[in-house]
PDB file of N, CA and C in Angstrom:
ATOM      1  N   MET A   1     183.172 156.878  -9.932  1.00  0.00           N
ATOM      2  CA  MET A   1     183.753 155.883 -10.504  1.00  0.00           C
ATOM      3  C   MET A   1     185.575 156.168 -11.003  1.00  0.00           C
ATOM      4  N   ILE A   2     186.140 155.557 -11.160  1.00  0.00           N
ATOM      5  CA  ILE A   2     187.485 155.486 -10.993  1.00  0.00           C
ATOM      6  C   ILE A   2     187.685 154.760 -12.251  1.00  0.00           C
ATOM      7  N   LEU A   3     188.537 155.331 -12.751  1.00  0.00           N
ATOM      8  CA  LEU A   3     189.137 154.685 -14.319  1.00  0.00           C
ATOM      9  C   LEU A   3     190.756 154.465 -13.916  1.00  0.00           C
ATOM     10  N   PHE A   4     191.022 152.689 -13.781  1.00  0.00           N
ATOM     11  CA  PHE A   4     192.674 152.615 -13.314  1.00  0.00           C
ATOM     12  C   PHE A   4     193.189 152.041 -14.734  1.00  0.00           C
ATOM     13  N   ASP A   5     193.853 153.214 -15.109  1.00  0.00           N
ATOM     14  CA  ASP A   5     194.495 152.701 -16.410  1.00  0.00           C
ATOM     15  C   ASP A   5     196.029 151.985 -16.243  1.00  0.00           C
ATOM     16  N   ALA A   6     195.723 150.849 -16.615  1.00  0.00           N
ATOM     17  CA  ALA A   6     196.960 149.875 -16.406  1.00  0.00           C
ATOM     18  C   ALA A   6     197.378 149.359 -17.891  1.00  0.00           C
ATOM     19  N   SER A   7     197.198 150.397 -18.772  1.00  0.00           N
ATOM     20  CA  SER A   7     197.309 150.032 -20.094  1.00  0.00           C
ATOM     21  C   SER A   7     198.833 149.856 -20.504  1.00  0.00           C
ATOM     22  N   ARG A   8     199.724 149.980 -19.714  1.00  0.00           N
ATOM     23  CA  ARG A   8     201.171 150.022 -20.181  1.00  0.00           C
ATOM     24  C   ARG A   8     201.683 148.428 -19.254  1.00  0.00           C
ATOM     25  N   ILE A   9     200.755 147.857 -18.450  1.00  0.00           N
ATOM     26  CA  ILE A   9     201.397 146.706 -17.926  1.00  0.00           C
ATOM     27  C   ILE A   9     200.955 145.760 -18.476  1.00  0.00           C
ATOM     28  N   ASN A  10     201.870 144.632 -18.918  1.00  0.00           N
ATOM     29  CA  ASN A  10     201.509 143.414 -19.491  1.00  0.00           C
ATOM     30  C   ASN A  10     202.524 142.188 -18.797  1.00  0.00           C
ATOM     31  N   THR A  11     203.553 142.699 -18.561  1.00  0.00           N
ATOM     32  CA  THR A  11     204.550 141.425 -17.577  1.00  0.00           C
ATOM     33  C   THR A  11     205.193 141.932 -16.378  1.00  0.00           C
ATOM     34  N   GLY A  12     205.944 140.794 -15.944  1.00  0.00           N
ATOM     35  CA  GLY A  12     206.802 141.433 -14.449  1.00  0.00           C
ATOM     36  C   GLY A  12     206.093 141.826 -13.471  1.00  0.00           C
ATOM     37  N   GLY A  13     206.700 142.583 -12.692  1.00  0.00           N
ATOM     38  CA  GLY A  13     206.370 143.127 -11.477  1.00  0.00           C
ATOM     39  C   GLY A  13     204.942 143.912 -11.477  1.00  0.00           C
ATOM     40  N   GLY A  14     205.023 144.734 -12.530  1.00  0.00           N
ATOM     41  CA  GLY A  14     203.909 145.553 -12.797  1.00  0.00           C
ATOM     42  C   GLY A  14     202.654 144.534 -13.241  1.00  0.00           C
ATOM     43  N   LYS A  15     202.690 143.215 -13.409  1.00  0.00           N
ATOM     44  CA  LYS A  15     201.479 142.353 -13.600  1.00  0.00           C
ATOM     45  C   LYS A  15     201.017 142.150 -12.365  1.00  0.00           C
ATOM     46  N   VAL A  16     202.466 141.574 -11.537  1.00  0.00           N
ATOM     47  CA  VAL A  16     201.835 140.874 -10.419  1.00  0.00           C
ATOM     48  C   VAL A  16     201.477 141.757  -9.468  1.00  0.00           C
ATOM     49  N   LEU A  17     201.702 143.333  -9.405  1.00  0.00           N
ATOM     50  CA  LEU A  17     201.005 144.030  -8.564  1.00  0.00           C
ATOM     51  C   LEU A  17     199.554 144.395  -9.145  1.00  0.00           C
ATOM     52  N   LEU A  18     199.632 144.877 -10.363  1.00  0.00           N
ATOM     53  CA  LEU A  18     198.318 144.806 -10.961  1.00  0.00           C
ATOM     54  C   LEU A  18     196.927 143.672 -10.498  1.00  0.00           C
ATOM     55  N   GLU A  19     197.400 142.272 -10.663  1.00  0.00           N
ATOM     56  CA  GLU A  19     196.639 141.192 -10.414  1.00  0.00           C
ATOM     57  C   GLU A  19     196.297 141.455  -8.864  1.00  0.00           C
ATOM     58  N   TYR A  20     197.412 141.740  -7.896  1.00  0.00           N
ATOM     59  CA  TYR A  20     196.952 142.038  -6.426  1.00  0.00           C
ATOM     60  C   TYR A  20     196.026 143.083  -6.356  1.00  0.00           C
ATOM     61  N   PHE A  21     196.349 144.054  -6.843  1.00  0.00           N
ATOM     62  CA  PHE A  21     194.927 145.516  -6.937  1.00  0.00           C
ATOM     63  C   PHE A  21     193.726 145.101  -7.244  1.00  0.00           C
ATOM     64  N   MET A  22     193.739 143.928  -8.199  1.00  0.00           N
ATOM     65  CA  MET A  22     192.493 143.937  -8.933  1.00  0.00           C
ATOM     66  C   MET A  22     191.885 142.790  -8.158  1.00  0.00           C
ATOM     67  N   ASP A  23     192.540 141.623  -7.209  1.00  0.00           N
ATOM     68  CA  ASP A  23     192.082 140.955  -6.579  1.00  0.00           C
ATOM     69  C   ASP A  23     191.575 141.683  -5.320  1.00  0.00           C
ATOM     70  N   ARG A  24     192.409 142.548  -4.459  1.00  0.00           N
ATOM     71  CA  ARG A  24     191.753 142.925  -3.301  1.00  0.00           C
ATOM     72  C   ARG A  24     190.734 144.299  -3.677  1.00  0.00           C
ATOM     73  N   ASN A  25     190.466 144.589  -4.822  1.00  0.00           N
ATOM     74  CA  ASN A  25     189.481 145.228  -5.084  1.00  0.00           C
ATOM     75  C   ASN A  25     188.278 144.902  -5.915  1.00  0.00           C
ATOM     76  N   LYS A  26     188.091 143.506  -5.666  1.00  0.00           N
ATOM     77  CA  LYS A  26     187.119 142.978  -6.727  1.00  0.00           C
ATOM     78  C   LYS A  26     185.564 143.252  -6.191  1.00  0.00           C
ATOM     79  N   GLU A  27     185.609 143.652  -5.303  1.00  0.00           N
ATOM     80  CA  GLU A  27     184.198 143.751  -4.214  1.00  0.00           C
ATOM     81  C   GLU A  27     183.422 145.424  -4.954  1.00  0.00           C
ATOM     82  N   ARG A  28     184.422 146.171  -5.108  1.00  0.00           N
ATOM     83  CA  ARG A  28     184.612 147.615  -5.700  1.00  0.00           C
ATOM     84  C   ARG A  28     183.887 147.554  -6.984  1.00  0.00           C
ATOM     85  N   ASP A  29     182.670 147.911  -7.426  1.00  0.00           N
ATOM     86  CA  ASP A  29     181.921 148.020  -8.537  1.00  0.00           C
ATOM     87  C   ASP A  29     182.165 149.386  -9.377  1.00  0.00           C
ATOM     88  N   ASN A  30     182.958 149.994  -8.338  1.00  0.00           N
ATOM     89  CA  ASN A  30     183.109 151.497  -9.232  1.00  0.00           C
ATOM     90  C   ASN A  30     184.519 151.723  -9.997  1.00  0.00           C
ATOM     91  N   ILE A  31     185.102 150.585 -10.109  1.00  0.00           N
ATOM     92  CA  ILE A  31     186.304 150.788 -10.994  1.00  0.00           C
ATOM     93  C   ILE A  31     186.212 149.991 -12.121  1.00  0.00           C
ATOM     94  N   VAL A  32     186.853 150.998 -13.161  1.00  0.00           N
ATOM     95  CA  VAL A  32     186.735 150.187 -14.507  1.00  0.00           C
ATOM     96  C   VAL A  32     188.490 150.178 -14.840  1.00  0.00           C
ATOM     97  N   TYR A  33     189.130 149.089 -15.691  1.00  0.00           N
ATOM     98  CA  TYR A  33     190.310 149.107 -15.331  1.00  0.00           C
ATOM     99  C   TYR A  33     190.478 149.288 -17.144  1.00  0.00           C
ATOM    100  N   LEU A  34     191.552 150.024 -17.570  1.00  0.00           N
ATOM    101  CA  LEU A  34     191.935 150.056 -18.862  1.00  0.00           C
ATOM    102  C   LEU A  34     193.073 149.173 -19.204  1.00  0.00           C
ATOM    103  N   LEU A  35     193.236 147.967 -19.772  1.00  0.00           N
ATOM    104  CA  LEU A  35     194.229 146.882 -20.084  1.00  0.00           C
ATOM    105  C   LEU A  35     194.544 146.899 -21.356  1.00  0.00           C
ATOM    106  N   ASP A  36     196.038 146.261 -21.339  1.00  0.00           N
ATOM    107  CA  ASP A  36     196.695 145.999 -22.410  1.00  0.00           C
ATOM    108  C   ASP A  36     196.725 144.916 -23.246  1.00  0.00           C
ATOM    109  N   ASN A  37     196.176 144.776 -24.472  1.00  0.00           N
ATOM    110  CA  ASN A  37     195.569 143.828 -25.097  1.00  0.00           C
ATOM    111  C   ASN A  37     196.604 142.381 -24.942  1.00  0.00           C
ATOM    112  N   ARG A  38     197.852 142.765 -24.582  1.00  0.00           N
ATOM    113  CA  ARG A  38     198.825 141.771 -24.366  1.00  0.00           C
ATOM    114  C   ARG A  38     198.653 141.084 -23.121  1.00  0.00           C
ATOM    115  N   LEU A  39     197.987 141.579 -21.780  1.00  0.00           N
ATOM    116  CA  LEU A  39     197.916 141.271 -20.415  1.00  0.00           C
ATOM    117  C   LEU A  39     197.343 139.743 -20.626  1.00  0.00           C
ATOM    118  N   ASN A  40     198.019 138.812 -20.043  1.00  0.00           N
ATOM    119  CA  ASN A  40     197.492 137.556 -20.227  1.00  0.00           C
ATOM    120  C   ASN A  40     197.295 137.231 -18.497  1.00  0.00           C
ATOM    121  N   THR A  41     195.920 137.048 -18.141  1.00  0.00           N
ATOM    122  CA  THR A  41     195.808 136.903 -16.812  1.00  0.00           C
ATOM    123  C   THR A  41     194.540 136.218 -16.347  1.00  0.00           C
ATOM    124  N   SER A  42     194.366 135.424 -15.792  1.00  0.00           N
ATOM    125  CA  SER A  42     193.105 134.516 -15.272  1.00  0.00           C
ATOM    126  C   SER A  42     191.991 135.520 -14.361  1.00  0.00           C
ATOM    127  N   LEU A  43     192.546 136.859 -14.544  1.00  0.00           N
ATOM    128  CA  LEU A  43     191.308 137.695 -13.726  1.00  0.00           C
ATOM    129  C   LEU A  43     190.640 138.226 -14.390  1.00  0.00           C
ATOM    130  N   VAL A  44     191.026 138.282 -15.660  1.00  0.00           N
ATOM    131  CA  VAL A  44     190.347 139.177 -16.767  1.00  0.00           C
ATOM    132  C   VAL A  44     189.394 138.180 -17.223  1.00  0.00           C
ATOM    133  N   GLU A  45     189.893 136.805 -17.398  1.00  0.00           N
ATOM    134  CA  GLU A  45     188.920 136.178 -18.210  1.00  0.00           C
ATOM    135  C   GLU A  45     188.216 135.703 -16.715  1.00  0.00           C
ATOM    136  N   SER A  46     188.044 135.836 -15.682  1.00  0.00           N
ATOM    137  CA  SER A  46     187.058 135.479 -14.866  1.00  0.00           C
ATOM    138  C   SER A  46     185.800 136.029 -15.063  1.00  0.00           C
ATOM    139  N   GLY A  47     185.841 137.708 -15.775  1.00  0.00           N
ATOM    140  CA  GLY A  47     184.409 138.125 -15.531  1.00  0.00           C
ATOM    141  C   GLY A  47     184.012 138.715 -14.414  1.00  0.00           C
ATOM    142  N   ASN A  48     184.633 138.777 -13.323  1.00  0.00           N
ATOM    143  CA  ASN A  48     184.458 139.767 -11.997  1.00  0.00           C
ATOM    144  C   ASN A  48     184.975 141.237 -11.994  1.00  0.00           C
ATOM    145  N   TYR A  49     185.285 141.486 -13.246  1.00  0.00           N
ATOM    146  CA  TYR A  49     185.506 142.744 -13.181  1.00  0.00           C
ATOM    147  C   TYR A  49     185.155 143.565 -14.534  1.00  0.00           C
ATOM    148  N   LYS A  50     185.214 144.964 -14.504  1.00  0.00           N
ATOM    149  CA  LYS A  50     184.878 145.594 -15.407  1.00  0.00           C
ATOM    150  C   LYS A  50     186.107 146.339 -15.969  1.00  0.00           C
ATOM    151  N   TYR A  51     186.179 146.058 -17.540  1.00  0.00           N
ATOM    152  CA  TYR A  51     187.351 146.638 -17.996  1.00  0.00           C
ATOM    153  C   TYR A  51     187.277 146.936 -19.336  1.00  0.00           C
ATOM    154  N   LEU A  52     187.973 147.765 -19.987  1.00  0.00           N
ATOM    155  CA  LEU A  52     188.360 147.598 -21.338  1.00  0.00           C
ATOM    156  C   LEU A  52     189.633 147.561 -21.721  1.00  0.00           C
ATOM    157  N   ILE A  53     189.918 147.226 -23.259  1.00  0.00           N
ATOM    158  CA  ILE A  53     191.093 146.470 -23.571  1.00  0.00           C
ATOM    159  C   ILE A  53     191.606 147.608 -24.510  1.00  0.00           C
ATOM    160  N   LYS A  54     192.870 147.961 -24.221  1.00  0.00           N
ATOM    161  CA  LYS A  54     193.568 149.038 -25.394  1.00  0.00           C
ATOM    162  C   LYS A  54     194.332 148.127 -26.659  1.00  0.00           C
ATOM    163  N   ASN A  55     193.950 148.403 -27.651  1.00  0.00           N
ATOM    164  CA  ASN A  55     195.077 148.025 -28.627  1.00  0.00           C
ATOM    165  C   ASN A  55     194.944 148.985 -30.100  1.00  0.00           C
ATOM    166  N   LYS A  56     195.779 148.676 -31.025  1.00  0.00           N
ATOM    167  CA  LYS A  56     195.668 149.656 -31.868  1.00  0.00           C
ATOM    168  C   LYS A  56     194.609 150.261 -32.371  1.00  0.00           C
ATOM    169  N   ASN A  57     193.380 149.395 -33.162  1.00  0.00           N
ATOM    170  CA  ASN A  57     192.505 149.915 -33.592  1.00  0.00           C
ATOM    171  C   ASN A  57     191.365 150.002 -32.736  1.00  0.00           C
ATOM    172  N   SER A  58     191.331 150.502 -31.375  1.00  0.00           N
ATOM    173  CA  SER A  58     190.079 150.466 -30.677  1.00  0.00           C
ATOM    174  C   SER A  58     189.623 152.271 -30.631  1.00  0.00           C
ATOM    175  N   PHE A  59     188.069 152.236 -30.176  1.00  0.00           N
ATOM    176  CA  PHE A  59     187.954 153.492 -30.164  1.00  0.00           C
ATOM    177  C   PHE A  59     188.426 153.863 -28.331  1.00  0.00           C
ATOM    178  N   LEU A  60     188.898 153.725 -27.871  1.00  0.00           N
ATOM    179  CA  LEU A  60     189.124 154.070 -26.028  1.00  0.00           C
ATOM    180  C   LEU A  60     189.057 155.197 -26.006  1.00  0.00           C
ATOM    181  N   PRO A  61     189.613 156.024 -26.583  1.00  0.00           N
ATOM    182  CA  PRO A  61     189.527 157.738 -26.337  1.00  0.00           C
ATOM    183  C   PRO A  61     188.123 158.185 -26.210  1.00  0.00           C
ATOM    184  N   SER A  62     187.430 157.749 -26.829  1.00  0.00           N
ATOM    185  CA  SER A  62     185.856 158.069 -26.473  1.00  0.00           C
ATOM    186  C   SER A  62     185.147 157.795 -25.397  1.00  0.00           C
ATOM    187  N   LYS A  63     185.695 156.413 -25.206  1.00  0.00           N
ATOM    188  CA  LYS A  63     184.894 155.668 -24.227  1.00  0.00           C
ATOM    189  C   LYS A  63     185.612 156.243 -22.816  1.00  0.00           C
ATOM    190  N   ILE A  64     187.040 156.461 -22.819  1.00  0.00           N
ATOM    191  CA  ILE A  64     187.841 156.924 -21.878  1.00  0.00           C
ATOM    192  C   ILE A  64     186.767 158.383 -21.528  1.00  0.00           C
ATOM    193  N   LYS A  65     186.482 158.820 -22.516  1.00  0.00           N
ATOM    194  CA  LYS A  65     186.100 160.816 -22.324  1.00  0.00           C
ATOM    195  C   LYS A  65     184.462 160.343 -21.794  1.00  0.00           C
ATOM    196  N   LEU A  66     184.026 159.359 -22.236  1.00  0.00           N
ATOM    197  CA  LEU A  66     182.673 158.925 -21.531  1.00  0.00           C
ATOM    198  C   LEU A  66     182.526 159.115 -19.879  1.00  0.00           C
ATOM    199  N   ILE A  67     183.461 158.087 -19.718  1.00  0.00           N
ATOM    200  CA  ILE A  67     184.026 157.477 -18.329  1.00  0.00           C
ATOM    201  C   ILE A  67     184.032 158.901 -17.462  1.00  0.00           C
ATOM    202  N   LEU A  68     185.252 159.295 -17.791  1.00  0.00           N
ATOM    203  CA  LEU A  68     185.597 160.496 -17.194  1.00  0.00           C
ATOM    204  C   LEU A  68     184.389 161.586 -17.244  1.00  0.00           C
ATOM    205  N   ASN A  69     183.686 161.903 -17.864  1.00  0.00           N
ATOM    206  CA  ASN A  69     182.830 162.728 -18.068  1.00  0.00           C
ATOM    207  C   ASN A  69     181.487 163.061 -16.915  1.00  0.00           C
ATOM    208  N   LYS A  70     181.451 161.664 -16.296  1.00  0.00           N
ATOM    209  CA  LYS A  70     180.710 160.907 -15.455  1.00  0.00           C
ATOM    210  C   LYS A  70     180.877 161.912 -14.060  1.00  0.00           C
ATOM    211  N   LYS A  71     180.016 162.255 -13.349  1.00  0.00           N
ATOM    212  CA  LYS A  71     179.940 163.105 -12.137  1.00  0.00           C
ATOM    213  C   LYS A  71     180.987 162.161 -11.219  1.00  0.00           C
ATOM    214  N   LYS A  72     182.044 162.707 -10.539  1.00  0.00           N
ATOM    215  CA  LYS A  72     182.699 162.483  -9.301  1.00  0.00           C
ATOM    216  C   LYS A  72     183.827 161.373 -10.185  1.00  0.00           C
ATOM    217  N   ALA A  73     184.257 161.367 -11.642  1.00  0.00           N
ATOM    218  CA  ALA A  73     184.846 160.325 -11.900  1.00  0.00           C
ATOM    219  C   ALA A  73     186.218 160.997 -11.675  1.00  0.00           C
ATOM    220  N   LYS A  74     187.393 159.711 -11.413  1.00  0.00           N
ATOM    221  CA  LYS A  74     188.711 159.962 -10.923  1.00  0.00           C
ATOM    222  C   LYS A  74     189.407 159.310 -11.979  1.00  0.00           C
ATOM    223  N   TYR A  75     190.833 159.663 -12.417  1.00  0.00           N
ATOM    224  CA  TYR A  75     191.405 158.724 -13.160  1.00  0.00           C
ATOM    225  C   TYR A  75     192.783 158.485 -12.631  1.00  0.00           C
ATOM    226  N   PHE A  76     193.088 157.298 -12.679  1.00  0.00           N
ATOM    227  CA  PHE A  76     194.514 156.627 -12.054  1.00  0.00           C
ATOM    228  C   PHE A  76     195.226 155.792 -13.067  1.00  0.00           C
ATOM    229  N   SER A  77     196.616 156.510 -13.299  1.00  0.00           N
ATOM    230  CA  SER A  77     197.466 155.938 -13.908  1.00  0.00           C
ATOM    231  C   SER A  77     198.816 155.340 -13.658  1.00  0.00           C
TER     232      SER A  77
END
């Protein structure tokens, strides 16, 4: 399992690179993306990706901890 932390990307060149990365790795089911709630992209709306949305009132730290506790989990930020 790989947790790809893109929680600070929402516009500009970072968004373009994130969309490219997600599109190139859409067949891999072992990647979970942590995304900013301001990110507006058709890739997320397509439903082909596993992702968590970060916002002020979420319980993401506990979800992230569960993901990272799995065997062979990796974190990429």
